[in-house]
Amino acid sequence: MTRMASKVLVGLSLISSSTALSNVFDTYGQSAGTMAIGNATTAGGTQSFAAYTNPALLVTAKKNEISVQALMTRFDLQDLPEAPNSPLPADKDRASQAGDLQGNSVGMNFTLTEGLHLGIAAYVPQGSFGRIKGVSSYQSTYLRFGESQGKPAIYTALGYQLPGGFSIGLGAYYSLRAKGVIQIALTSRESEGRVDLNMEPVVAPFGGFAWGNDRMTVGLTYRDAQKTDSKIDSGFSLTNQDFSLPFNANTSLVPFYDPALFRAGYSYRFDEAQVLVSFEQAQWGRYKTALVSLTGNDVAAISAEASGGSANLRDTQAYRLGVIVPVLGPMNQSLELRGGLEIHTSANKPNTRGSVIDPAQQSLAAGVNWILKEDDKGRRLTLEAAYQYVQLSKLDRVGTKGAEIHLNAGHSLQTFVGGLDYEL
């Protein structure tokens, strides 16, 4: 019976570790118009997605806007090795065989009253709807990339125009977490169990500030961290004719983690072009590993208590640059040629062990906006398309259980985006 209890406790520890992945908007972008300028949108860009990029910019829209986009990312990732002597069979879910990450995004910007705007930005994945994958301590996982990144996200915000060219915006970011109870009884002749899981909403606030004139705009935003942890309390009873061991296991899973973000941006409009720059600080250093605590009679005799701790991550920085060049066309139509680049630092601390892998990355993007002629009621349609190429850097690291991880340079990600923006 003691051996059986030990196996159950080991199993709990193995399934408790869970992947931490940020959302699609944070990693890639929201639309073709934003990705094409390197996501340097803190002080400019597409107003229909300002509810996410900077809610203070909602007031810059002259008309109501709706944007619908389709996104697809193709992965070229290197498999991460498992530590030797793992008690589990080899994981068949290989990073090198990851399928495309596909989804749709929607952005809206509506004028409520003069100087007051309402914005909504949302992402809906295709296929797997918020996959949660637990990994053992013998495995490693990518921090930002993977199929399980496809979870829904909703941002709502209000933007208000102040005197002197100033504006502010406040919003909320919504997601889900689970809480529940699992109860299992094992005897020498039968087993019984019951489960009760409940989904709850979780909200992270964010806000933005902007100041601008006809030529330049300065913007700042801050979003609080969203830890969509799932609490599961488990009650177990292992019994035979001569032995009984009741105990409880309190498990905290972190299937998704969105770090606190601070962004600062600047844009300047020349006579024939617009240049946008942005800086981002993502507070990955606050992320903690999954937690399993065991309580009950004689539990310490068969298993040591595990506790959550630092994942050995540090805050990351992102530097972004975007350029927009308008090109006039016939019949009151025009094109906007867009280009951008991004540089992201690694979240891994040097000379430390850890199973969460995050190589530094550099990306290039290009796209075009085709702005059609206004109709009789002043409505205008814009067709958008963009391509983003992300290059991953070399990384050497040691996993939690001692596996040596050597990521080669040259692996990449490619994102294709297409959609339309409609001014009402």
Protein backbone atom coordinates (compact mmCIF):
# COMPACT_ATOMS: atom_id res chain seq x y z
CA MET A 1 0.00 0.00 0.00
CA THR A 2 2.86 2.38 0.73
CA ARG A 3 4.25 1.68 -2.71
CA MET A 4 0.85 2.39 -4.26
CA ALA A 5 0.59 5.69 -2.39
CA SER A 6 4.04 6.72 -3.54
CA LYS A 7 3.09 6.12 -7.17
CA VAL A 8 -0.06 8.20 -6.82
CA LEU A 9 1.89 11.09 -5.28
CA VAL A 10 4.55 10.94 -7.98
CA GLY A 11 1.81 11.05 -10.60
CA LEU A 12 0.35 14.16 -9.01
CA SER A 13 3.71 15.88 -9.13
CA LEU A 14 4.19 15.00 -12.79
CA ILE A 15 0.85 16.36 -14.00
CA SER A 16 1.09 19.51 -11.90
CA SER A 17 3.76 21.23 -13.95
CA SER A 18 2.10 23.14 -16.76
CA THR A 19 3.09 25.25 -19.71
CA ALA A 20 3.15 29.04 -19.37
CA LEU A 21 2.32 30.74 -22.63
CA SER A 22 1.42 34.33 -23.38
CA ASN A 23 -1.44 35.17 -25.73
CA VAL A 24 -1.36 35.59 -29.50
CA PHE A 25 -1.76 39.39 -29.45
CA ASP A 26 1.30 39.76 -27.19
CA THR A 27 3.50 37.43 -29.25
CA TYR A 28 2.55 38.17 -32.85
CA GLY A 29 0.13 41.07 -33.19
CA GLN A 30 -3.51 41.75 -33.91
CA SER A 31 -3.92 42.58 -37.58
CA ALA A 32 -2.08 42.94 -40.86
CA GLY A 33 -1.88 46.70 -40.34
CA THR A 34 -0.21 46.36 -36.93
CA MET A 35 2.12 43.44 -37.70
CA ALA A 36 3.38 45.09 -40.90
CA ILE A 37 4.82 48.00 -38.88
CA GLY A 38 6.58 45.72 -36.38
CA ASN A 39 3.75 46.11 -33.83
CA ALA A 40 5.12 49.58 -33.03
CA THR A 41 1.59 50.75 -32.25
CA THR A 42 1.82 52.39 -28.82
CA ALA A 43 1.63 55.84 -30.42
CA GLY A 44 -0.13 55.07 -33.70
CA GLY A 45 -1.37 52.40 -36.04
CA THR A 46 -4.80 50.90 -36.69
CA GLN A 47 -7.45 52.63 -34.57
CA SER A 48 -9.83 49.66 -34.74
CA PHE A 49 -7.44 47.66 -32.49
CA ALA A 50 -6.56 50.54 -30.16
CA ALA A 51 -8.50 48.82 -27.36
CA TYR A 52 -5.45 46.55 -27.13
CA THR A 53 -2.55 48.63 -28.45
CA ASN A 54 -3.32 51.82 -26.49
CA PRO A 55 -6.90 52.69 -25.45
CA ALA A 56 -6.00 56.39 -25.35
CA LEU A 57 -5.68 56.26 -29.16
CA LEU A 58 -9.32 55.28 -29.60
CA VAL A 59 -10.18 58.99 -29.82
CA THR A 60 -7.98 59.48 -32.91
CA ALA A 61 -10.53 57.66 -35.09
CA LYS A 62 -12.65 60.05 -37.15
CA LYS A 63 -15.35 57.44 -37.84
CA ASN A 64 -16.60 54.19 -36.37
CA GLU A 65 -14.41 51.29 -37.48
CA ILE A 66 -14.68 47.51 -37.64
CA SER A 67 -11.81 45.23 -38.62
CA VAL A 68 -11.82 41.46 -39.23
CA GLN A 69 -8.55 39.56 -39.70
CA ALA A 70 -7.38 35.97 -40.32
CA LEU A 71 -4.00 34.93 -38.86
CA MET A 72 -1.87 31.85 -39.46
CA THR A 73 1.57 31.05 -38.01
CA ARG A 74 3.79 28.22 -39.26
CA PHE A 75 6.42 26.86 -36.88
CA ASP A 76 9.93 25.63 -37.61
CA LEU A 77 10.93 24.72 -34.05
CA GLN A 78 13.65 22.46 -32.74
CA ASP A 79 12.65 19.57 -30.48
CA LEU A 80 13.61 20.02 -26.83
CA PRO A 81 15.32 16.98 -25.25
CA GLU A 82 13.95 15.12 -22.24
CA ALA A 83 16.19 14.38 -19.29
CA PRO A 84 17.38 10.76 -19.04
CA ASN A 85 15.81 8.31 -16.60
CA SER A 86 12.34 9.78 -16.93
CA PRO A 87 9.70 7.40 -15.49
CA LEU A 88 7.30 8.37 -18.31
CA PRO A 89 7.25 7.11 -21.90
CA ALA A 90 8.71 9.50 -24.46
CA ASP A 91 6.39 12.40 -25.31
CA LYS A 92 4.99 11.96 -28.83
CA ASP A 93 4.03 15.64 -29.07
CA ARG A 94 7.14 16.99 -30.83
CA ALA A 95 7.83 20.70 -31.28
CA SER A 96 9.21 20.04 -34.78
CA GLN A 97 5.81 18.64 -35.77
CA ALA A 98 3.70 21.48 -34.39
CA GLY A 99 0.73 22.30 -36.57
CA ASP A 100 -0.17 25.76 -37.78
CA LEU A 101 -1.57 28.21 -35.24
CA GLN A 102 -4.69 29.68 -36.82
CA GLY A 103 -7.30 32.12 -35.62
CA ASN A 104 -9.34 35.24 -36.28
CA SER A 105 -9.18 38.65 -34.67
CA VAL A 106 -11.80 41.39 -34.51
CA GLY A 107 -11.28 45.05 -33.67
CA MET A 108 -13.95 47.72 -33.14
CA ASN A 109 -13.95 51.43 -32.37
CA PHE A 110 -17.23 53.28 -31.77
CA THR A 111 -17.94 56.90 -30.86
CA LEU A 112 -20.30 57.03 -27.88
CA THR A 113 -20.38 60.80 -27.52
CA GLU A 114 -18.06 63.55 -28.65
CA GLY A 115 -14.63 62.79 -27.19
CA LEU A 116 -15.64 59.39 -25.73
CA HIS A 117 -14.95 56.14 -27.63
CA LEU A 118 -15.57 52.46 -26.92
CA GLY A 119 -13.14 49.86 -28.23
CA ILE A 120 -13.19 46.07 -28.41
CA ALA A 121 -10.39 43.75 -29.55
CA ALA A 122 -10.76 39.97 -29.51
CA TYR A 123 -8.98 36.84 -30.70
CA VAL A 124 -10.75 33.53 -31.39
CA PRO A 125 -8.59 30.46 -32.18
CA GLN A 126 -9.47 27.85 -34.77
CA GLY A 127 -9.24 24.18 -33.95
CA SER A 128 -8.02 23.67 -30.38
CA PHE A 129 -9.87 26.12 -28.14
CA GLY A 130 -7.47 26.85 -25.31
CA ARG A 131 -5.46 23.65 -25.05
CA ILE A 132 -3.81 22.95 -21.69
CA LYS A 133 -0.85 20.59 -21.68
CA GLY A 134 0.90 19.46 -18.52
CA VAL A 135 4.57 18.53 -18.72
CA SER A 136 6.81 16.66 -16.31
CA SER A 137 9.90 18.07 -14.64
CA TYR A 138 11.99 15.93 -17.01
CA GLN A 139 10.72 17.93 -19.99
CA SER A 140 11.26 21.44 -21.31
CA THR A 141 8.86 23.73 -23.13
CA TYR A 142 8.95 26.96 -25.13
CA LEU A 143 7.72 30.02 -23.28
CA ARG A 144 6.07 31.87 -26.17
CA PHE A 145 5.54 29.43 -29.03
CA GLY A 146 3.31 26.43 -29.58
CA GLU A 147 -0.12 25.18 -30.58
CA SER A 148 -1.44 25.46 -27.02
CA GLN A 149 -1.00 29.23 -27.31
CA GLY A 150 -4.34 29.39 -29.11
CA LYS A 151 -6.66 30.65 -26.38
CA PRO A 152 -9.44 33.23 -26.70
CA ALA A 153 -8.76 36.79 -25.55
CA ILE A 154 -11.10 39.77 -25.17
CA TYR A 155 -10.13 43.40 -24.51
CA THR A 156 -12.66 46.17 -23.87
CA ALA A 157 -11.70 49.80 -23.27
CA LEU A 158 -12.90 53.40 -23.16
CA GLY A 159 -10.91 56.32 -24.52
CA TYR A 160 -11.55 59.94 -23.56
CA GLN A 161 -10.28 63.12 -25.22
CA LEU A 162 -8.82 65.75 -22.87
CA PRO A 163 -7.95 69.38 -23.65
CA GLY A 164 -4.58 70.27 -25.13
CA GLY A 165 -4.19 67.18 -27.28
CA PHE A 166 -4.11 64.77 -24.33
CA SER A 167 -6.19 61.59 -24.09
CA ILE A 168 -6.53 58.69 -21.67
CA GLY A 169 -7.92 55.18 -21.88
CA LEU A 170 -8.92 52.44 -19.42
CA GLY A 171 -9.75 48.84 -20.17
CA ALA A 172 -10.08 45.26 -18.98
CA TYR A 173 -8.69 41.99 -20.35
CA TYR A 174 -10.83 38.87 -19.82
CA SER A 175 -9.97 35.20 -19.60
CA LEU A 176 -10.97 32.06 -17.62
CA ARG A 177 -9.62 29.92 -14.80
CA ALA A 178 -10.87 26.74 -13.17
CA LYS A 179 -11.44 25.75 -9.56
CA GLY A 180 -12.57 22.35 -8.41
CA VAL A 181 -12.33 19.24 -6.28
CA ILE A 182 -11.28 15.68 -7.14
CA GLN A 183 -12.00 12.86 -4.66
CA ILE A 184 -10.70 9.31 -5.18
CA ALA A 185 -10.91 6.23 -2.97
CA LEU A 186 -8.79 3.12 -3.73
CA THR A 187 -9.25 -0.21 -1.92
CA SER A 188 -7.96 -3.71 -2.59
CA ARG A 189 -11.22 -4.57 -4.41
CA GLU A 190 -12.59 -1.42 -6.08
CA SER A 191 -12.13 2.27 -6.72
CA GLU A 192 -14.57 5.17 -6.58
CA GLY A 193 -14.27 8.85 -7.44
CA ARG A 194 -16.04 12.11 -8.12
CA VAL A 195 -15.03 15.48 -9.55
CA ASP A 196 -16.43 19.01 -9.53
CA LEU A 197 -14.74 21.68 -11.68
CA ASN A 198 -16.05 25.22 -12.07
CA MET A 199 -14.95 27.85 -14.62
CA GLU A 200 -14.59 31.42 -13.38
CA PRO A 201 -13.82 34.69 -15.20
CA VAL A 202 -10.60 36.54 -14.42
CA VAL A 203 -9.93 40.16 -15.37
CA ALA A 204 -6.68 42.13 -15.74
CA PRO A 205 -6.93 45.95 -15.89
CA PHE A 206 -4.88 48.12 -18.24
CA GLY A 207 -4.69 51.74 -19.24
CA GLY A 208 -3.07 54.17 -21.63
CA PHE A 209 -2.08 57.80 -22.11
CA ALA A 210 -1.36 59.79 -25.26
CA TRP A 211 -0.51 63.29 -26.36
CA GLY A 212 -0.28 64.43 -29.93
CA ASN A 213 -0.68 67.07 -32.61
CA ASP A 214 -0.82 67.04 -36.41
CA ARG A 215 2.76 65.75 -36.68
CA MET A 216 3.72 63.72 -33.63
CA THR A 217 2.21 61.46 -30.99
CA VAL A 218 3.58 60.11 -27.70
CA GLY A 219 1.93 57.15 -25.97
CA LEU A 220 2.28 55.08 -22.79
CA THR A 221 0.41 51.94 -21.69
CA TYR A 222 0.47 49.53 -18.73
CA ARG A 223 -1.32 46.20 -18.33
CA ASP A 224 -1.38 44.26 -15.09
CA ALA A 225 -0.29 40.60 -15.05
CA GLN A 226 -2.94 37.98 -15.62
CA LYS A 227 -2.26 34.68 -13.91
CA THR A 228 -5.02 32.37 -15.04
CA ASP A 229 -4.14 29.74 -12.43
CA SER A 230 -6.43 26.79 -11.82
CA LYS A 231 -6.85 25.51 -8.26
CA ILE A 232 -7.69 21.82 -7.84
CA ASP A 233 -8.08 20.33 -4.35
CA SER A 234 -7.81 16.53 -4.34
CA GLY A 235 -8.84 14.14 -1.59
CA PHE A 236 -7.48 10.55 -1.63
CA SER A 237 -8.06 7.50 0.51
CA LEU A 238 -5.87 4.38 0.01
CA THR A 239 -7.19 1.42 1.98
CA ASN A 240 -6.75 -2.34 2.38
CA GLN A 241 -7.53 -4.72 5.24
CA ASP A 242 -4.49 -3.76 7.28
CA PHE A 243 -3.67 -0.21 6.17
CA SER A 244 -5.41 3.10 5.53
CA LEU A 245 -3.85 6.34 4.33
CA PRO A 246 -6.02 9.42 3.74
CA PHE A 247 -4.36 12.56 2.37
CA ASN A 248 -5.08 15.74 0.44
CA ALA A 249 -3.26 17.29 -2.54
CA ASN A 250 -3.65 20.98 -3.32
CA THR A 251 -2.59 21.69 -6.91
CA SER A 252 -2.11 25.03 -8.61
CA LEU A 253 -1.80 24.84 -12.41
CA VAL A 254 -0.74 27.82 -14.51
CA PRO A 255 -1.90 26.91 -18.02
CA PHE A 256 -1.55 30.48 -19.25
CA TYR A 257 0.37 33.44 -17.90
CA ASP A 258 0.28 36.94 -19.33
CA PRO A 259 2.99 39.13 -17.77
CA ALA A 260 2.57 42.73 -16.76
CA LEU A 261 3.47 44.95 -19.72
CA PHE A 262 4.77 48.50 -19.90
CA ARG A 263 5.01 50.14 -23.31
CA ALA A 264 6.20 53.54 -24.49
CA GLY A 265 5.94 54.77 -28.06
CA TYR A 266 6.53 57.71 -30.36
CA SER A 267 5.38 58.44 -33.91
CA TYR A 268 6.17 61.26 -36.30
CA ARG A 269 4.43 62.04 -39.55
CA PHE A 270 6.58 63.49 -42.33
CA ASP A 271 5.15 64.90 -45.56
CA GLU A 272 5.57 61.57 -47.37
CA ALA A 273 5.94 58.96 -44.61
CA GLN A 274 5.25 58.11 -40.97
CA VAL A 275 7.79 56.57 -38.58
CA LEU A 276 6.77 54.75 -35.39
CA VAL A 277 8.99 53.44 -32.57
CA SER A 278 8.01 51.52 -29.45
CA PHE A 279 9.62 49.96 -26.37
CA GLU A 280 8.13 47.17 -24.26
CA GLN A 281 9.07 45.77 -20.84
CA ALA A 282 7.46 42.38 -20.05
CA GLN A 283 7.72 41.28 -16.41
CA TRP A 284 8.41 37.55 -16.85
CA GLY A 285 10.55 37.61 -13.71
CA ARG A 286 7.38 37.39 -11.59
CA TYR A 287 6.30 34.05 -13.02
CA LYS A 288 6.30 31.20 -10.51
CA THR A 289 6.28 27.48 -11.23
CA ALA A 290 3.29 25.27 -10.54
CA LEU A 291 2.58 24.38 -6.93
CA VAL A 292 1.68 21.02 -5.32
CA SER A 293 1.22 20.79 -1.56
CA LEU A 294 0.42 17.50 0.23
CA THR A 295 -1.25 17.22 3.62
CA GLY A 296 -2.48 14.26 5.67
CA ASN A 297 -1.40 11.56 8.12
CA ASP A 298 2.04 10.05 7.43
CA VAL A 299 2.35 11.76 4.04
CA ALA A 300 5.86 12.99 4.84
CA ALA A 301 6.98 9.40 5.28
CA ILE A 302 6.33 8.50 1.64
CA SER A 303 6.83 11.74 -0.30
CA ALA A 304 8.51 15.08 0.22
CA GLU A 305 6.32 18.15 -0.18
CA ALA A 306 6.90 20.07 -3.39
CA SER A 307 6.42 23.80 -3.56
CA GLY A 308 6.26 26.40 -6.27
CA GLY A 309 9.24 28.58 -6.86
CA SER A 310 11.00 30.79 -9.32
CA ALA A 311 11.13 29.60 -12.93
CA ASN A 312 14.49 31.41 -13.30
CA LEU A 313 13.05 33.89 -15.78
CA ARG A 314 13.85 37.57 -16.08
CA ASP A 315 12.04 40.55 -17.55
CA THR A 316 12.34 40.96 -21.30
CA GLN A 317 12.59 44.01 -23.55
CA ALA A 318 11.24 44.51 -27.05
CA TYR A 319 12.35 47.26 -29.45
CA ARG A 320 10.09 47.98 -32.41
CA LEU A 321 10.30 50.17 -35.51
CA GLY A 322 7.67 50.73 -38.20
CA VAL A 323 7.41 52.83 -41.37
CA ILE A 324 4.29 53.74 -43.36
CA VAL A 325 4.64 55.20 -46.88
CA PRO A 326 1.39 56.33 -48.62
CA VAL A 327 1.21 55.95 -52.40
CA LEU A 328 -1.60 57.75 -54.25
CA GLY A 329 -3.57 55.77 -56.80
CA PRO A 330 -6.24 56.50 -59.42
CA MET A 331 -9.91 57.21 -58.68
CA ASN A 332 -9.40 58.41 -55.11
CA GLN A 333 -7.78 55.15 -54.07
CA SER A 334 -4.44 54.83 -52.32
CA LEU A 335 -1.91 52.30 -51.08
CA GLU A 336 0.07 52.26 -47.86
CA LEU A 337 3.34 50.36 -48.02
CA ARG A 338 4.36 49.20 -44.55
CA GLY A 339 7.51 47.72 -43.08
CA GLY A 340 8.72 46.93 -39.58
CA LEU A 341 11.21 45.13 -37.40
CA GLU A 342 11.30 43.86 -33.82
CA ILE A 343 14.04 42.71 -31.44
CA HIS A 344 13.12 40.68 -28.33
CA THR A 345 15.53 39.71 -25.57
CA SER A 346 15.47 36.28 -23.91
CA ALA A 347 13.59 35.62 -20.66
CA ASN A 348 16.12 32.98 -19.56
CA LYS A 349 18.59 34.00 -16.88
CA PRO A 350 22.18 33.05 -17.73
CA ASN A 351 23.95 30.35 -15.68
CA THR A 352 20.70 29.01 -14.20
CA ARG A 353 18.70 25.83 -14.68
CA GLY A 354 15.12 25.80 -15.91
CA SER A 355 12.66 23.93 -18.09
CA VAL A 356 11.08 27.04 -19.68
CA ILE A 357 12.97 27.94 -22.86
CA ASP A 358 12.88 31.39 -24.48
CA PRO A 359 15.49 32.21 -27.14
CA ALA A 360 16.04 35.82 -28.20
CA GLN A 361 14.35 36.68 -31.46
CA GLN A 362 14.44 39.15 -34.32
CA SER A 363 11.62 39.69 -36.79
CA LEU A 364 11.00 41.48 -40.07
CA ALA A 365 7.56 42.34 -41.43
CA ALA A 366 6.10 43.88 -44.57
CA GLY A 367 2.58 44.57 -45.74
CA VAL A 368 0.24 46.70 -47.79
CA ASN A 369 -3.05 48.49 -47.10
CA TRP A 370 -5.25 49.11 -50.16
CA ILE A 371 -7.64 51.95 -49.29
CA LEU A 372 -10.62 51.99 -51.63
CA LYS A 373 -12.71 54.98 -52.67
CA GLU A 374 -15.45 56.20 -50.31
CA ASP A 375 -19.01 55.29 -51.25
CA ASP A 376 -21.92 57.71 -51.48
CA LYS A 377 -22.42 57.67 -47.69
CA GLY A 378 -18.77 58.33 -46.87
CA ARG A 379 -17.96 54.73 -45.91
CA ARG A 380 -14.56 53.36 -46.86
CA LEU A 381 -13.12 49.85 -47.07
CA THR A 382 -9.44 49.00 -46.61
CA LEU A 383 -7.97 45.63 -47.62
CA GLU A 384 -4.89 44.57 -45.62
CA ALA A 385 -2.21 41.90 -46.00
CA ALA A 386 1.07 41.33 -44.14
CA TYR A 387 3.88 38.82 -43.65
CA GLN A 388 6.10 38.45 -40.57
CA TYR A 389 9.30 36.39 -40.32
CA VAL A 390 10.73 35.63 -36.86
CA GLN A 391 14.31 34.33 -36.49
CA LEU A 392 15.22 32.53 -33.25
CA SER A 393 18.70 32.89 -31.77
CA LYS A 394 21.05 30.21 -30.50
CA LEU A 395 20.55 29.21 -26.86
CA ASP A 396 22.42 26.87 -24.48
CA ARG A 397 20.69 25.89 -21.25
CA VAL A 398 20.42 23.10 -18.67
CA GLY A 399 16.97 21.77 -17.85
CA THR A 400 15.56 21.26 -14.36
CA LYS A 401 16.60 17.58 -14.31
CA GLY A 402 20.00 18.19 -15.90
CA ALA A 403 19.25 17.71 -19.60
CA GLU A 404 21.56 19.80 -21.78
CA ILE A 405 19.59 21.95 -24.21
CA HIS A 406 21.38 23.35 -27.25
CA LEU A 407 19.15 25.34 -29.59
CA ASN A 408 20.66 25.94 -33.00
CA ALA A 409 20.33 29.27 -34.77
CA GLY A 410 18.19 29.27 -37.87
CA HIS A 411 14.83 28.06 -36.58
CA SER A 412 11.99 30.42 -37.33
CA LEU A 413 8.30 31.27 -37.40
CA GLN A 414 6.28 32.74 -40.25
CA THR A 415 2.99 34.56 -39.82
CA PHE A 416 0.55 35.41 -42.62
CA VAL A 417 -2.26 37.89 -42.00
CA GLY A 418 -5.06 39.16 -44.17
CA GLY A 419 -8.23 41.10 -43.48
CA LEU A 420 -10.28 44.19 -43.98
CA ASP A 421 -11.03 47.40 -42.10
CA TYR A 422 -14.34 49.20 -42.65
CA GLU A 423 -15.13 52.79 -41.74
CA LEU A 424 -18.84 53.28 -41.06
